[in-house]
PDB file of N, CA and C in Angstrom:
ATOM      1  N   MET A   1     115.217  64.427 124.877  1.00  0.00           N
ATOM      2  CA  MET A   1     115.092  64.219 123.447  1.00  0.00           C
ATOM      3  C   MET A   1     114.376  65.412 122.798  1.00  0.00           C
ATOM      4  N   LYS A   2     113.337  65.938 123.471  1.00  0.00           N
ATOM      5  CA  LYS A   2     112.605  67.067 122.908  1.00  0.00           C
ATOM      6  C   LYS A   2     113.494  68.300 122.807  1.00  0.00           C
ATOM      7  N   LYS A   3     114.366  68.489 123.816  1.00  0.00           N
ATOM      8  CA  LYS A   3     115.259  69.646 123.797  1.00  0.00           C
ATOM      9  C   LYS A   3     116.255  69.541 122.646  1.00  0.00           C
ATOM     10  N   LEU A   4     116.692  68.329 122.340  1.00  0.00           N
ATOM     11  CA  LEU A   4     117.634  68.122 121.240  1.00  0.00           C
ATOM     12  C   LEU A   4     116.980  68.440 119.900  1.00  0.00           C
ATOM     13  N   VAL A   5     115.754  67.997 119.731  1.00  0.00           N
ATOM     14  CA  VAL A   5     115.017  68.284 118.497  1.00  0.00           C
ATOM     15  C   VAL A   5     114.750  69.778 118.377  1.00  0.00           C
ATOM     16  N   LEU A   6     114.366  70.419 119.469  1.00  0.00           N
ATOM     17  CA  LEU A   6     114.120  71.855 119.465  1.00  0.00           C
ATOM     18  C   LEU A   6     115.383  72.626 119.144  1.00  0.00           C
ATOM     19  N   ALA A   7     116.503  72.208 119.725  1.00  0.00           N
ATOM     20  CA  ALA A   7     117.777  72.877 119.444  1.00  0.00           C
ATOM     21  C   ALA A   7     118.180  72.695 117.984  1.00  0.00           C
ATOM     22  N   ALA A   8     117.958  71.514 117.436  1.00  0.00           N
ATOM     23  CA  ALA A   8     118.283  71.270 116.028  1.00  0.00           C
ATOM     24  C   ALA A   8     117.399  72.120 115.118  1.00  0.00           C
ATOM     25  N   ALA A   9     116.125  72.244 115.455  1.00  0.00           N
ATOM     26  CA  ALA A   9     115.209  73.046 114.643  1.00  0.00           C
ATOM     27  C   ALA A   9     115.584  74.519 114.691  1.00  0.00           C
ATOM     28  N   LEU A  10     115.923  75.019 115.858  1.00  0.00           N
ATOM     29  CA  LEU A  10     116.319  76.426 115.974  1.00  0.00           C
ATOM     30  C   LEU A  10     117.638  76.699 115.263  1.00  0.00           C
ATOM     31  N   THR A  11     118.548  75.750 115.313  1.00  0.00           N
ATOM     32  CA  THR A  11     119.824  75.907 114.618  1.00  0.00           C
ATOM     33  C   THR A  11     119.611  75.932 113.111  1.00  0.00           C
ATOM     34  N   ALA A  12     118.750  75.061 112.624  1.00  0.00           N
ATOM     35  CA  ALA A  12     118.470  75.023 111.189  1.00  0.00           C
ATOM     36  C   ALA A  12     117.786  76.315 110.741  1.00  0.00           C
ATOM     37  N   ALA A  13     116.872  76.823 111.556  1.00  0.00           N
ATOM     38  CA  ALA A  13     116.168  78.053 111.207  1.00  0.00           C
ATOM     39  C   ALA A  13     117.119  79.249 111.231  1.00  0.00           C
ATOM     40  N   ALA A  14     118.044  79.255 112.143  1.00  0.00           N
ATOM     41  CA  ALA A  14     118.973  80.374 112.251  1.00  0.00           C
ATOM     42  C   ALA A  14     120.002  80.347 111.126  1.00  0.00           C
ATOM     43  N   SER A  15     120.356  79.167 110.662  1.00  0.00           N
ATOM     44  CA  SER A  15     121.373  79.081 109.609  1.00  0.00           C
ATOM     45  C   SER A  15     120.817  79.474 108.254  1.00  0.00           C
ATOM     46  N   THR A  16     119.502  79.363 108.045  1.00  0.00           N
ATOM     47  CA  THR A  16     118.917  79.721 106.756  1.00  0.00           C
ATOM     48  C   THR A  16     118.638  81.215 106.654  1.00  0.00           C
ATOM     49  N   ALA A  17     118.873  81.977 107.699  1.00  0.00           N
ATOM     50  CA  ALA A  17     118.608  83.406 107.695  1.00  0.00           C
ATOM     51  C   ALA A  17     119.838  84.185 107.246  1.00  0.00           C
ATOM     52  N   PHE A  18     120.541  83.682 106.263  1.00  0.00           N
ATOM     53  CA  PHE A  18     121.730  84.342 105.750  1.00  0.00           C
ATOM     54  C   PHE A  18     121.315  85.390 104.727  1.00  0.00           C
ATOM     55  N   ALA A  19     121.829  86.602 104.844  1.00  0.00           N
ATOM     56  CA  ALA A  19     121.384  87.708 103.999  1.00  0.00           C
ATOM     57  C   ALA A  19     121.949  87.645 102.590  1.00  0.00           C
ATOM     58  N   GLY A  20     123.015  86.942 102.364  1.00  0.00           N
ATOM     59  CA  GLY A  20     123.580  86.857 101.029  1.00  0.00           C
ATOM     60  C   GLY A  20     124.737  87.814 100.864  1.00  0.00           C
ATOM     61  N   ASN A  21     125.141  88.008  99.613  1.00  0.00           N
ATOM     62  CA  ASN A  21     126.288  88.879  99.362  1.00  0.00           C
ATOM     63  C   ASN A  21     125.828  90.255  98.885  1.00  0.00           C
ATOM     64  N   ILE A  22     126.775  91.146  98.693  1.00  0.00           N
ATOM     65  CA  ILE A  22     126.460  92.508  98.274  1.00  0.00           C
ATOM     66  C   ILE A  22     126.373  92.540  96.753  1.00  0.00           C
ATOM     67  N   VAL A  23     125.167  92.627  96.248  1.00  0.00           N
ATOM     68  CA  VAL A  23     124.916  92.657  94.813  1.00  0.00           C
ATOM     69  C   VAL A  23     123.972  93.814  94.537  1.00  0.00           C
ATOM     70  N   GLU A  24     124.165  94.455  93.414  1.00  0.00           N
ATOM     71  CA  GLU A  24     123.284  95.553  93.016  1.00  0.00           C
ATOM     72  C   GLU A  24     121.861  95.028  92.863  1.00  0.00           C
ATOM     73  N   PRO A  25     120.877  95.644  93.516  1.00  0.00           N
ATOM     74  CA  PRO A  25     119.502  95.147  93.413  1.00  0.00           C
ATOM     75  C   PRO A  25     118.949  95.303  91.992  1.00  0.00           C
ATOM     76  N   VAL A  26     118.156  94.345  91.586  1.00  0.00           N
ATOM     77  CA  VAL A  26     117.558  94.359  90.255  1.00  0.00           C
ATOM     78  C   VAL A  26     116.166  94.954  90.384  1.00  0.00           C
ATOM     79  N   MET A  27     115.930  96.032  89.659  1.00  0.00           N
ATOM     80  CA  MET A  27     114.629  96.685  89.698  1.00  0.00           C
ATOM     81  C   MET A  27     113.781  96.165  88.541  1.00  0.00           C
ATOM     82  N   GLU A  28     112.551  95.776  88.846  1.00  0.00           N
ATOM     83  CA  GLU A  28     111.643  95.312  87.812  1.00  0.00           C
ATOM     84  C   GLU A  28     110.952  96.511  87.174  1.00  0.00           C
ATOM     85  N   LYS A  29     110.545  96.315  85.908  1.00  0.00           N
ATOM     86  CA  LYS A  29     109.850  97.389  85.206  1.00  0.00           C
ATOM     87  C   LYS A  29     108.470  97.599  85.831  1.00  0.00           C
ATOM     88  N   GLU A  30     108.026  98.856  85.812  1.00  0.00           N
ATOM     89  CA  GLU A  30     106.731  99.183  86.377  1.00  0.00           C
ATOM     90  C   GLU A  30     105.631  98.667  85.454  1.00  0.00           C
ATOM     91  N   VAL A  31     104.635  98.034  86.043  1.00  0.00           N
ATOM     92  CA  VAL A  31     103.525  97.495  85.268  1.00  0.00           C
ATOM     93  C   VAL A  31     102.507  98.601  85.048  1.00  0.00           C
ATOM     94  N   VAL A  32     102.155  98.826  83.793  1.00  0.00           N
ATOM     95  CA  VAL A  32     101.182  99.855  83.447  1.00  0.00           C
ATOM     96  C   VAL A  32      99.874  99.174  83.082  1.00  0.00           C
ATOM     97  N   VAL A  33      98.814  99.508  83.795  1.00  0.00           N
ATOM     98  CA  VAL A  33      97.506  98.914  83.551  1.00  0.00           C
ATOM     99  C   VAL A  33      96.631  99.948  82.874  1.00  0.00           C
ATOM    100  N   GLN A  34      96.098  99.577  81.732  1.00  0.00           N
ATOM    101  CA  GLN A  34      95.197 100.477  81.019  1.00  0.00           C
ATOM    102  C   GLN A  34      93.775 100.027  81.288  1.00  0.00           C
ATOM    103  N   GLU A  35      92.951 100.975  81.717  1.00  0.00           N
ATOM    104  CA  GLU A  35      91.565 100.642  82.011  1.00  0.00           C
ATOM    105  C   GLU A  35      90.755 100.638  80.722  1.00  0.00           C
ATOM    106  N   ALA A  36      89.788  99.746  80.661  1.00  0.00           N
ATOM    107  CA  ALA A  36      88.907  99.674  79.497  1.00  0.00           C
ATOM    108  C   ALA A  36      87.995 100.899  79.490  1.00  0.00           C
ATOM    109  N   ALA A  37      87.510 101.223  78.336  1.00  0.00           N
ATOM    110  CA  ALA A  37      86.616 102.376  78.213  1.00  0.00           C
ATOM    111  C   ALA A  37      85.349 102.119  79.016  1.00  0.00           C
ATOM    112  N   ALA A  38      84.947 103.080  79.789  1.00  0.00           N
ATOM    113  CA  ALA A  38      83.768 102.931  80.632  1.00  0.00           C
ATOM    114  C   ALA A  38      82.509 102.995  79.785  1.00  0.00           C
ATOM    115  N   SER A  39      81.574 102.099  80.064  1.00  0.00           N
ATOM    116  CA  SER A  39      80.313 102.117  79.338  1.00  0.00           C
ATOM    117  C   SER A  39      79.387 103.146  79.977  1.00  0.00           C
ATOM    118  N   SER A  40      78.270 103.362  79.341  1.00  0.00           N
ATOM    119  CA  SER A  40      77.341 104.357  79.874  1.00  0.00           C
ATOM    120  C   SER A  40      76.752 103.873  81.190  1.00  0.00           C
ATOM    121  N   SER A  41      76.256 104.791  81.982  1.00  0.00           N
ATOM    122  CA  SER A  41      75.730 104.443  83.294  1.00  0.00           C
ATOM    123  C   SER A  41      74.410 103.689  83.207  1.00  0.00           C
ATOM    124  N   SER A  42      73.722 103.771  82.069  1.00  0.00           N
ATOM    125  CA  SER A  42      72.435 103.086  81.935  1.00  0.00           C
ATOM    126  C   SER A  42      72.611 101.609  81.617  1.00  0.00           C
ATOM    127  N   ALA A  43      73.841 101.154  81.355  1.00  0.00           N
ATOM    128  CA  ALA A  43      74.057  99.755  81.006  1.00  0.00           C
ATOM    129  C   ALA A  43      73.756  98.838  82.183  1.00  0.00           C
ATOM    130  N   GLY A  44      73.910  99.306  83.382  1.00  0.00           N
ATOM    131  CA  GLY A  44      73.649  98.486  84.553  1.00  0.00           C
ATOM    132  C   GLY A  44      72.176  98.298  84.858  1.00  0.00           C
ATOM    133  N   ILE A  45      71.321  99.043  84.226  1.00  0.00           N
ATOM    134  CA  ILE A  45      69.886  98.967  84.504  1.00  0.00           C
ATOM    135  C   ILE A  45      69.157  98.091  83.493  1.00  0.00           C
ATOM    136  N   ILE A  46      69.794  97.770  82.387  1.00  0.00           N
ATOM    137  CA  ILE A  46      69.125  97.014  81.325  1.00  0.00           C
ATOM    138  C   ILE A  46      68.772  95.602  81.780  1.00  0.00           C
ATOM    139  N   VAL A  47      69.720  94.900  82.393  1.00  0.00           N
ATOM    140  CA  VAL A  47      69.469  93.515  82.813  1.00  0.00           C
ATOM    141  C   VAL A  47      68.344  93.431  83.840  1.00  0.00           C
ATOM    142  N   PRO A  48      68.322  94.258  84.879  1.00  0.00           N
ATOM    143  CA  PRO A  48      67.190  94.173  85.821  1.00  0.00           C
ATOM    144  C   PRO A  48      65.849  94.508  85.174  1.00  0.00           C
ATOM    145  N   LEU A  49      65.845  95.449  84.226  1.00  0.00           N
ATOM    146  CA  LEU A  49      64.578  95.778  83.556  1.00  0.00           C
ATOM    147  C   LEU A  49      64.088  94.617  82.698  1.00  0.00           C
ATOM    148  N   VAL A  50      64.997  93.929  82.022  1.00  0.00           N
ATOM    149  CA  VAL A  50      64.605  92.771  81.213  1.00  0.00           C
ATOM    150  C   VAL A  50      64.082  91.665  82.117  1.00  0.00           C
ATOM    151  N   LEU A  51      64.750  91.418  83.240  1.00  0.00           N
ATOM    152  CA  LEU A  51      64.273  90.394  84.168  1.00  0.00           C
ATOM    153  C   LEU A  51      62.907  90.759  84.737  1.00  0.00           C
ATOM    154  N   LEU A  52      62.699  92.024  85.045  1.00  0.00           N
ATOM    155  CA  LEU A  52      61.418  92.484  85.540  1.00  0.00           C
ATOM    156  C   LEU A  52      60.319  92.285  84.508  1.00  0.00           C
ATOM    157  N   ALA A  53      60.632  92.548  83.240  1.00  0.00           N
ATOM    158  CA  ALA A  53      59.664  92.351  82.172  1.00  0.00           C
ATOM    159  C   ALA A  53      59.321  90.877  82.009  1.00  0.00           C
ATOM    160  N   ILE A  54      60.301  89.988  82.153  1.00  0.00           N
ATOM    161  CA  ILE A  54      60.046  88.555  82.035  1.00  0.00           C
ATOM    162  C   ILE A  54      59.174  88.088  83.198  1.00  0.00           C
ATOM    163  N   VAL A  55      59.463  88.553  84.397  1.00  0.00           N
ATOM    164  CA  VAL A  55      58.652  88.174  85.553  1.00  0.00           C
ATOM    165  C   VAL A  55      57.235  88.695  85.411  1.00  0.00           C
ATOM    166  N   ALA A  56      57.084  89.908  84.912  1.00  0.00           N
ATOM    167  CA  ALA A  56      55.744  90.468  84.723  1.00  0.00           C
ATOM    168  C   ALA A  56      54.983  89.690  83.651  1.00  0.00           C
ATOM    169  N   ALA A  57      55.665  89.252  82.592  1.00  0.00           N
ATOM    170  CA  ALA A  57      55.004  88.500  81.533  1.00  0.00           C
ATOM    171  C   ALA A  57      54.562  87.124  82.042  1.00  0.00           C
ATOM    172  N   VAL A  58      55.388  86.512  82.880  1.00  0.00           N
ATOM    173  CA  VAL A  58      55.022  85.178  83.416  1.00  0.00           C
ATOM    174  C   VAL A  58      53.881  85.336  84.421  1.00  0.00           C
ATOM    175  N   ALA A  59      53.901  86.391  85.209  1.00  0.00           N
ATOM    176  CA  ALA A  59      52.859  86.589  86.205  1.00  0.00           C
ATOM    177  C   ALA A  59      51.519  86.939  85.549  1.00  0.00           C
ATOM    178  N   ALA A  60      51.523  87.516  84.358  1.00  0.00           N
ATOM    179  CA  ALA A  60      50.290  87.911  83.687  1.00  0.00           C
ATOM    180  C   ALA A  60      49.531  86.709  83.166  1.00  0.00           C
ATOM    181  N   ASP A  61      50.196  85.584  82.972  1.00  0.00           N
ATOM    182  CA  ASP A  61      49.496  84.394  82.434  1.00  0.00           C
ATOM    183  C   ASP A  61      48.711  83.693  83.449  1.00  0.00           C
TER     184      ASP A  61
END
């Protein structure tokens, strides 16, 4: 019984591997991604400095 099920599964898998007919391939348009304007390099330091100031203010009390 297992061999029959295995043979049926392999037959089904082999029959679905049909390549299709000869048709001109459809090319999709190239996706163009525009990057956002880069911010200044100091923008990444503002948040840690503000957090440091808040921690220092809480620790001073």
